[in-house]
Protein backbone atom coordinates (compact mmCIF):
# COMPACT_ATOMS: atom_id res chain seq x y z
CA MET A 1 0.45 27.42 63.37
CA ALA A 2 3.33 25.84 65.33
CA TYR A 3 2.82 22.54 63.47
CA LEU A 4 2.92 24.33 60.14
CA ILE A 5 6.19 26.11 60.96
CA ILE A 6 7.70 22.81 62.12
CA ILE A 7 6.72 21.19 58.79
CA ILE A 8 8.33 23.97 56.76
CA VAL A 9 11.54 23.75 58.82
CA LEU A 10 11.64 19.94 58.55
CA ALA A 11 11.00 20.07 54.79
CA VAL A 12 13.86 22.51 54.23
CA CYS A 13 16.13 20.43 56.50
CA PHE A 14 15.22 17.30 54.55
CA ASP A 15 16.08 19.07 51.30
CA PHE A 16 19.46 20.02 52.77
CA ILE A 17 20.08 16.40 53.80
CA ASN A 18 18.87 15.24 50.39
CA GLY A 19 21.48 17.53 48.83
CA PHE A 20 24.49 16.06 50.57
CA HIS A 21 23.03 12.54 50.56
CA ASP A 22 22.36 12.53 46.82
CA SER A 23 25.11 14.87 45.63
CA ALA A 24 27.08 11.77 44.68
CA ASN A 25 24.50 10.95 42.02
CA SER A 26 25.51 13.79 39.74
CA ILE A 27 29.20 14.14 40.54
CA ALA A 28 30.50 10.68 41.45
CA THR A 29 31.61 9.79 37.94
CA VAL A 30 33.05 13.29 37.33
CA VAL A 31 35.15 12.91 40.48
CA SER A 32 36.16 9.30 39.87
CA THR A 33 37.36 10.10 36.31
CA LYS A 34 39.24 13.14 37.70
CA VAL A 35 37.44 15.61 35.46
CA LEU A 36 36.79 17.84 38.47
CA LYS A 37 38.18 17.95 41.96
CA PRO A 38 35.59 17.06 44.63
CA VAL A 39 35.14 20.60 45.97
CA VAL A 40 34.73 22.07 42.48
CA ALA A 41 32.39 19.24 41.54
CA VAL A 42 29.96 19.87 44.40
CA VAL A 43 29.86 23.61 43.62
CA TRP A 44 29.19 22.73 39.97
CA ALA A 45 26.36 20.39 40.96
CA ALA A 46 24.91 22.89 43.45
CA PHE A 47 24.75 25.62 40.82
CA PHE A 48 22.80 23.44 38.39
CA ASN A 49 20.57 22.17 41.19
CA PHE A 50 19.44 25.77 41.55
CA VAL A 51 19.10 26.26 37.77
CA ALA A 52 16.43 23.54 38.00
CA PHE A 53 14.08 26.02 39.68
CA PHE A 54 13.94 28.27 36.63
CA ILE A 55 13.41 25.30 34.31
CA ALA A 56 10.52 24.04 36.45
CA GLU A 57 9.05 27.52 36.89
CA TYR A 58 9.11 28.57 33.26
CA LEU A 59 9.27 25.37 31.20
CA LEU A 60 8.38 22.01 32.74
CA GLY A 61 6.18 22.82 35.72
CA PHE A 62 5.97 21.07 39.10
CA ASN A 63 4.41 17.76 38.09
CA ILE A 64 6.14 15.70 40.78
CA ALA A 65 5.01 18.07 43.56
CA ASN A 66 1.42 17.45 42.49
CA THR A 67 1.92 13.67 42.63
CA VAL A 68 3.45 13.74 46.12
CA GLN A 69 0.39 15.58 47.45
CA LYS A 70 -1.69 12.54 46.46
CA VAL A 71 0.22 9.92 48.50
CA VAL A 72 -2.15 10.44 51.42
CA GLU A 73 -5.86 10.93 50.67
CA ALA A 74 -6.61 14.66 50.80
CA GLU A 75 -9.40 14.36 53.35
CA GLN A 76 -7.19 12.23 55.64
CA VAL A 77 -4.16 14.52 55.77
CA THR A 78 -3.29 16.03 59.15
CA LEU A 79 -0.29 18.12 60.16
CA PRO A 80 1.05 15.50 62.65
CA ILE A 81 1.05 12.91 59.83
CA ILE A 82 3.23 15.18 57.71
CA ILE A 83 5.56 15.95 60.64
CA ALA A 84 5.98 12.23 61.35
CA GLY A 85 6.57 11.43 57.66
CA LEU A 86 9.26 14.10 57.30
CA SER A 87 10.90 13.08 60.58
CA ALA A 88 11.08 9.45 59.45
CA ALA A 89 12.58 10.51 56.13
CA ILE A 90 15.26 12.56 57.88
CA ILE A 91 16.12 9.75 60.31
CA TRP A 92 16.49 7.06 57.62
CA SER A 93 18.38 9.37 55.26
CA LEU A 94 20.91 10.18 57.97
CA ILE A 95 21.32 6.50 58.86
CA THR A 96 21.96 5.46 55.26
CA TRP A 97 24.26 8.44 54.66
CA TRP A 98 26.29 7.56 57.75
CA ARG A 99 26.62 3.98 56.52
CA GLY A 100 27.52 5.12 52.99
CA ILE A 101 24.45 3.42 51.49
CA PRO A 102 23.07 5.21 48.38
CA SER A 103 19.41 4.72 49.27
CA SER A 104 16.50 6.75 47.97
CA SER A 105 15.62 9.94 49.84
CA SER A 106 12.46 10.07 47.72
CA HIS A 107 11.17 6.68 48.77
CA THR A 108 12.18 7.40 52.35
CA LEU A 109 9.76 10.33 52.38
CA ILE A 110 6.99 8.32 50.71
CA GLY A 111 7.45 5.49 53.21
CA GLY A 112 7.41 7.85 56.18
CA LEU A 113 4.15 9.43 55.04
CA ILE A 114 2.56 6.02 54.44
CA GLY A 115 3.52 4.73 57.89
CA ALA A 116 2.26 7.83 59.69
CA ALA A 117 -1.00 7.89 57.72
CA VAL A 118 -1.74 4.21 58.33
CA CYS A 119 -0.95 4.60 62.04
CA CYS A 120 -3.31 7.59 62.27
CA LYS A 121 -6.20 6.77 59.96
CA GLY A 122 -5.74 3.16 58.80
CA VAL A 123 -4.90 1.73 55.37
CA ASP A 124 -7.70 3.66 53.66
CA ALA A 125 -5.84 6.90 54.36
CA VAL A 126 -3.26 6.09 51.68
CA HIS A 127 -3.88 6.68 47.97
CA TRP A 128 -2.59 3.24 46.99
CA SER A 129 -2.82 3.70 43.23
CA THR A 130 -0.37 6.61 43.44
CA VAL A 131 1.90 4.62 45.76
CA GLY A 132 1.69 1.67 43.36
CA VAL A 133 3.00 3.76 40.47
CA ILE A 134 5.85 5.08 42.64
CA CYS A 135 6.74 1.54 43.75
CA LEU A 136 6.60 0.29 40.15
CA PHE A 137 9.22 2.86 39.19
CA ILE A 138 11.59 1.44 41.81
CA ILE A 139 12.07 -1.24 39.13
CA VAL A 140 11.26 0.75 36.00
CA ALA A 141 13.49 3.79 36.66
CA PRO A 142 16.81 1.92 37.08
CA LEU A 143 15.79 -0.36 34.21
CA ILE A 144 15.32 2.69 31.95
CA GLY A 145 18.69 3.97 33.13
CA PHE A 146 20.29 0.56 32.47
CA VAL A 147 18.92 0.30 28.94
CA ALA A 148 19.68 3.95 28.12
CA GLY A 149 23.23 3.61 29.45
CA ASN A 150 23.74 0.44 27.44
CA VAL A 151 22.38 1.89 24.19
CA ILE A 152 24.21 5.23 24.48
CA THR A 153 27.50 3.47 25.20
CA LEU A 154 27.14 1.11 22.23
CA LEU A 155 26.30 4.01 19.91
CA LEU A 156 29.25 6.10 21.08
CA TYR A 157 31.65 3.15 20.86
CA TRP A 158 30.55 2.65 17.25
CA CYS A 159 30.74 6.37 16.39
CA CYS A 160 34.18 6.71 17.97
CA ARG A 161 35.56 3.36 16.80
CA ARG A 162 38.32 5.06 14.75
CA VAL A 163 39.23 7.65 17.40
CA LYS A 164 42.35 7.04 19.45
CA PRO A 165 41.53 6.24 23.11
CA HIS A 166 43.56 9.17 24.46
CA LYS A 167 41.80 11.64 22.18
CA ALA A 168 38.40 10.18 23.08
CA ASP A 169 39.19 10.61 26.79
CA VAL A 170 39.98 14.29 26.22
CA TRP A 171 36.67 14.81 24.38
CA PHE A 172 34.54 13.00 26.90
CA LYS A 173 36.13 14.62 29.92
CA ARG A 174 34.81 17.90 28.52
CA LEU A 175 31.46 16.38 27.64
CA GLN A 176 31.15 15.02 31.18
CA LEU A 177 30.77 18.60 32.36
CA VAL A 178 27.66 18.89 30.19
CA SER A 179 26.20 15.53 31.22
CA SER A 180 26.92 16.23 34.90
CA ALA A 181 25.17 19.60 34.62
CA CYS A 182 22.11 17.95 33.03
CA LEU A 183 22.04 15.28 35.72
CA SER A 184 22.26 17.93 38.45
CA ILE A 185 19.33 19.78 36.87
CA GLY A 186 17.36 16.51 36.79
CA HIS A 187 18.24 15.93 40.44
CA GLY A 188 17.03 19.43 41.38
CA LEU A 189 13.82 19.03 39.36
CA ASN A 190 13.04 15.64 40.82
CA ASP A 191 14.05 15.81 44.46
CA SER A 192 13.13 19.35 45.49
CA GLN A 193 9.57 18.94 44.23
CA LYS A 194 8.76 16.29 46.80
CA GLU A 195 9.18 18.74 49.64
CA ILE A 196 7.34 21.43 47.68
CA GLY A 197 4.44 18.99 47.45
CA VAL A 198 4.62 18.21 51.17
CA ILE A 199 4.55 21.90 52.14
CA ALA A 200 1.66 22.53 49.73
CA CYS A 201 -0.19 19.57 51.25
CA ALA A 202 0.40 20.96 54.76
CA LEU A 203 -0.91 24.38 53.76
CA ALA A 204 -4.03 22.77 52.28
CA ALA A 205 -4.64 20.73 55.43
CA PHE A 206 -4.19 23.82 57.61
CA GLY A 207 -6.51 25.87 55.40
CA VAL A 208 -9.24 23.23 55.52
CA GLN A 209 -8.99 22.76 59.29
CA TYR A 210 -8.54 26.34 60.47
CA GLY A 211 -9.59 28.44 57.47
CA TRP A 212 -7.46 30.41 55.05
CA ASP A 213 -7.94 33.57 57.10
CA ALA A 214 -5.78 31.98 59.81
CA LEU A 215 -2.78 31.94 57.48
CA PRO A 216 -0.50 34.98 57.29
CA SER A 217 -0.11 36.45 53.82
CA TRP A 218 3.38 35.02 53.32
CA LEU A 219 1.98 31.49 53.65
CA LEU A 220 -1.00 31.90 51.33
CA PRO A 221 -0.70 29.88 48.11
CA ASP A 222 -0.38 31.81 44.89
CA THR A 223 -3.06 29.73 43.15
CA MET A 224 -6.31 28.58 44.75
CA THR A 225 -9.30 26.54 43.69
CA TYR A 226 -12.37 25.51 45.63
CA ALA A 227 -13.49 21.92 45.61
CA GLY A 228 -15.61 19.38 47.44
CA GLU A 229 -17.31 19.24 50.80
CA ALA A 230 -13.96 19.57 52.54
CA GLY A 231 -14.02 23.27 51.72
CA HIS A 232 -11.05 25.09 50.29
CA ASN A 233 -8.46 23.07 48.47
CA PHE A 234 -5.67 24.37 46.29
CA THR A 235 -2.98 23.66 43.82
CA GLY A 236 0.21 25.63 44.03
CA ALA A 237 2.22 27.16 46.85
CA PRO A 238 3.77 30.51 47.71
CA SER A 239 6.50 31.38 45.23
CA TRP A 240 9.17 31.30 47.94
CA VAL A 241 8.56 27.60 48.65
CA PRO A 242 10.24 26.16 45.51
CA VAL A 243 13.05 28.72 45.87
CA ALA A 244 13.65 27.67 49.50
CA CYS A 245 13.53 23.95 48.69
CA ILE A 246 15.88 24.07 45.72
CA THR A 247 18.25 26.43 47.56
CA ALA A 248 18.39 23.96 50.47
CA ILE A 249 19.28 21.13 48.07
CA ALA A 250 21.98 23.28 46.46
CA VAL A 251 23.51 24.20 49.83
CA GLY A 252 23.31 20.56 50.93
CA THR A 253 25.05 19.47 47.76
CA MET A 254 27.90 21.88 48.54
CA SER A 255 28.32 20.05 51.85
CA GLY A 256 29.23 16.92 49.89
CA GLY A 257 28.54 13.23 50.38
CA TRP A 258 31.94 11.61 50.14
CA LYS A 259 31.05 8.16 51.49
CA ILE A 260 28.40 7.63 48.84
CA ILE A 261 30.63 9.08 46.11
CA LYS A 262 33.04 6.18 46.71
CA THR A 263 30.25 3.63 46.24
CA MET A 264 28.76 5.27 43.17
CA GLY A 265 32.05 6.22 41.56
CA ASN A 266 34.02 2.99 41.43
CA LYS A 267 32.52 0.19 43.52
CA ILE A 268 29.76 -0.67 41.01
CA THR A 269 32.15 -0.75 38.04
CA LYS A 270 35.33 1.03 37.00
CA ILE A 271 34.43 4.21 35.11
CA THR A 272 36.31 5.86 32.24
CA PRO A 273 35.48 9.36 30.88
CA VAL A 274 33.47 7.86 28.01
CA GLU A 275 31.52 5.65 30.39
CA GLY A 276 31.09 8.50 32.85
CA PHE A 277 29.49 10.63 30.14
CA CYS A 278 27.24 7.77 29.01
CA SER A 279 26.00 6.97 32.52
CA GLN A 280 25.30 10.62 33.32
CA ALA A 281 23.55 11.22 30.00
CA ALA A 282 21.38 8.13 30.52
CA GLY A 283 20.54 9.21 34.05
CA ALA A 284 19.64 12.75 32.96
CA ILE A 285 17.38 11.47 30.15
CA THR A 286 15.59 9.16 32.58
CA LEU A 287 15.03 11.95 35.12
CA PHE A 288 13.65 14.34 32.51
CA VAL A 289 11.26 11.66 31.23
CA THR A 290 9.95 10.77 34.69
CA GLN A 291 9.64 14.44 35.63
CA ASN A 292 7.48 14.99 32.57
CA LEU A 293 5.36 12.00 33.60
CA GLY A 294 5.05 13.41 37.12
CA VAL A 295 6.48 10.27 38.73
CA PRO A 296 8.80 10.85 41.71
CA VAL A 297 11.76 8.52 41.27
CA SER A 298 15.04 8.00 43.03
CA THR A 299 18.01 9.71 41.40
CA THR A 300 20.12 7.12 43.23
CA HIS A 301 18.27 4.26 41.53
CA VAL A 302 18.46 5.95 38.14
CA ILE A 303 22.19 6.64 38.11
CA SER A 304 22.97 3.24 39.65
CA GLY A 305 21.04 1.55 36.84
CA SER A 306 22.81 3.73 34.27
CA ILE A 307 26.26 2.84 35.63
CA MET A 308 25.34 -0.86 35.57
CA GLY A 309 24.13 -0.55 31.97
CA VAL A 310 27.33 1.17 30.89
CA GLY A 311 29.54 -1.34 32.71
CA SER A 312 27.72 -4.33 31.23
CA VAL A 313 28.66 -3.24 27.70
CA LYS A 314 32.25 -4.36 28.29
CA ARG A 315 31.16 -7.64 29.84
CA MET A 316 28.65 -8.64 32.48
CA SER A 317 31.45 -9.51 34.90
CA ALA A 318 32.69 -5.89 34.73
CA VAL A 319 29.80 -4.96 37.04
CA ARG A 320 30.39 -5.85 40.67
CA TRP A 321 27.05 -7.57 41.15
CA GLY A 322 27.71 -8.21 44.83
CA VAL A 323 27.66 -4.45 45.41
CA THR A 324 24.55 -4.03 43.26
CA ILE A 325 22.72 -6.71 45.26
CA ASP A 326 23.43 -4.71 48.42
CA LEU A 327 22.11 -1.57 46.70
CA VAL A 328 18.93 -3.30 45.51
CA THR A 329 18.37 -4.69 49.02
CA ALA A 330 18.58 -1.13 50.39
CA TRP A 331 16.11 0.04 47.74
CA ILE A 332 13.60 -2.69 48.63
CA ILE A 333 13.67 -2.13 52.40
CA THR A 334 13.61 1.68 52.27
CA ILE A 335 9.83 2.18 52.04
CA PRO A 336 8.89 -0.50 54.65
CA VAL A 337 11.55 0.65 57.13
CA SER A 338 10.66 4.30 56.64
CA ALA A 339 6.97 3.46 57.07
CA LEU A 340 7.76 1.73 60.36
CA ILE A 341 9.78 4.72 61.55
CA GLY A 342 6.99 7.06 60.44
CA ALA A 343 4.42 5.08 62.43
CA CYS A 344 6.65 5.09 65.52
CA VAL A 345 7.29 8.84 65.26
CA TYR A 346 3.56 9.51 64.85
CA GLY A 347 2.85 7.41 67.93
CA ALA A 348 5.47 9.32 69.88
CA ILE A 349 4.01 12.68 68.79
CA MET A 350 0.51 11.65 69.89
CA ALA A 351 1.85 10.34 73.20
CA VAL A 352 3.51 13.67 73.93
CA VAL A 353 0.61 15.78 72.73
């Protein structure tokens, strides 16, 4: 039971860190174009992070949570593996936040779980087809954001070609509030579900190993099925789990992430209100599409790709490609580094235990 409580605490802590680490994704352009002051912007984003729960609960479902449960083969999952994976994710997220690097909290978690699982059970413990899809979207997600940002910007430039620039800025500063809200909802839908999936996976592993009767009523999943020789397996989680995870992200967002806001807001390319709206709209569309597909993606990757796509409309040189190369490098190394940390943490846990 102690392991299970530790997992729940770590998952909620990771959601909190995810909130202030990734808050820049949905508010960086709103802040950089001076539509909202930073403090107001994070409260705005936090509110719509929480709205995401109701959208997932009553409209879209928790597709990404189901995918995350499949990263490690069900029969190979143990509670120490999950603890090590979450610990690795927290460690790498804090390192990249401290350095102001907008890396992916999502891929940090996936990498940590992979490293711990391989260290414990070997390479067969990982569901590589699921991991392959997630890795593919490291490229596909920002590419979708890039193309969407490019297309939306071109369409709006054509539609507003006779509008005076000052008047257009006034319009799009207001519209940025809408696009920022949508992006915050996409962030809440995408990022909170990973920890929901991890907690659900931990509950399943505990139930299989110790029996469902060993769980107190407040930890029993709302929906259960019975499958396979492993005994009880389930889909779903107690109703308080998604509420706790999304609340933690919202509170984390209110704590801010100012170092990353600077990188996302102006270092990639200079953003105007029109471009801010376009990049946020493109990012939100991408997140809603991938959520519907059940693919956990990085909101950092998505909005970075969208900003690049918007900036490239003016001219390719308008994008500071030196900064983007650093970002892409961080994206590439996140899963391997997190996997290494996850393996080390798992080894340390086993050495202590």
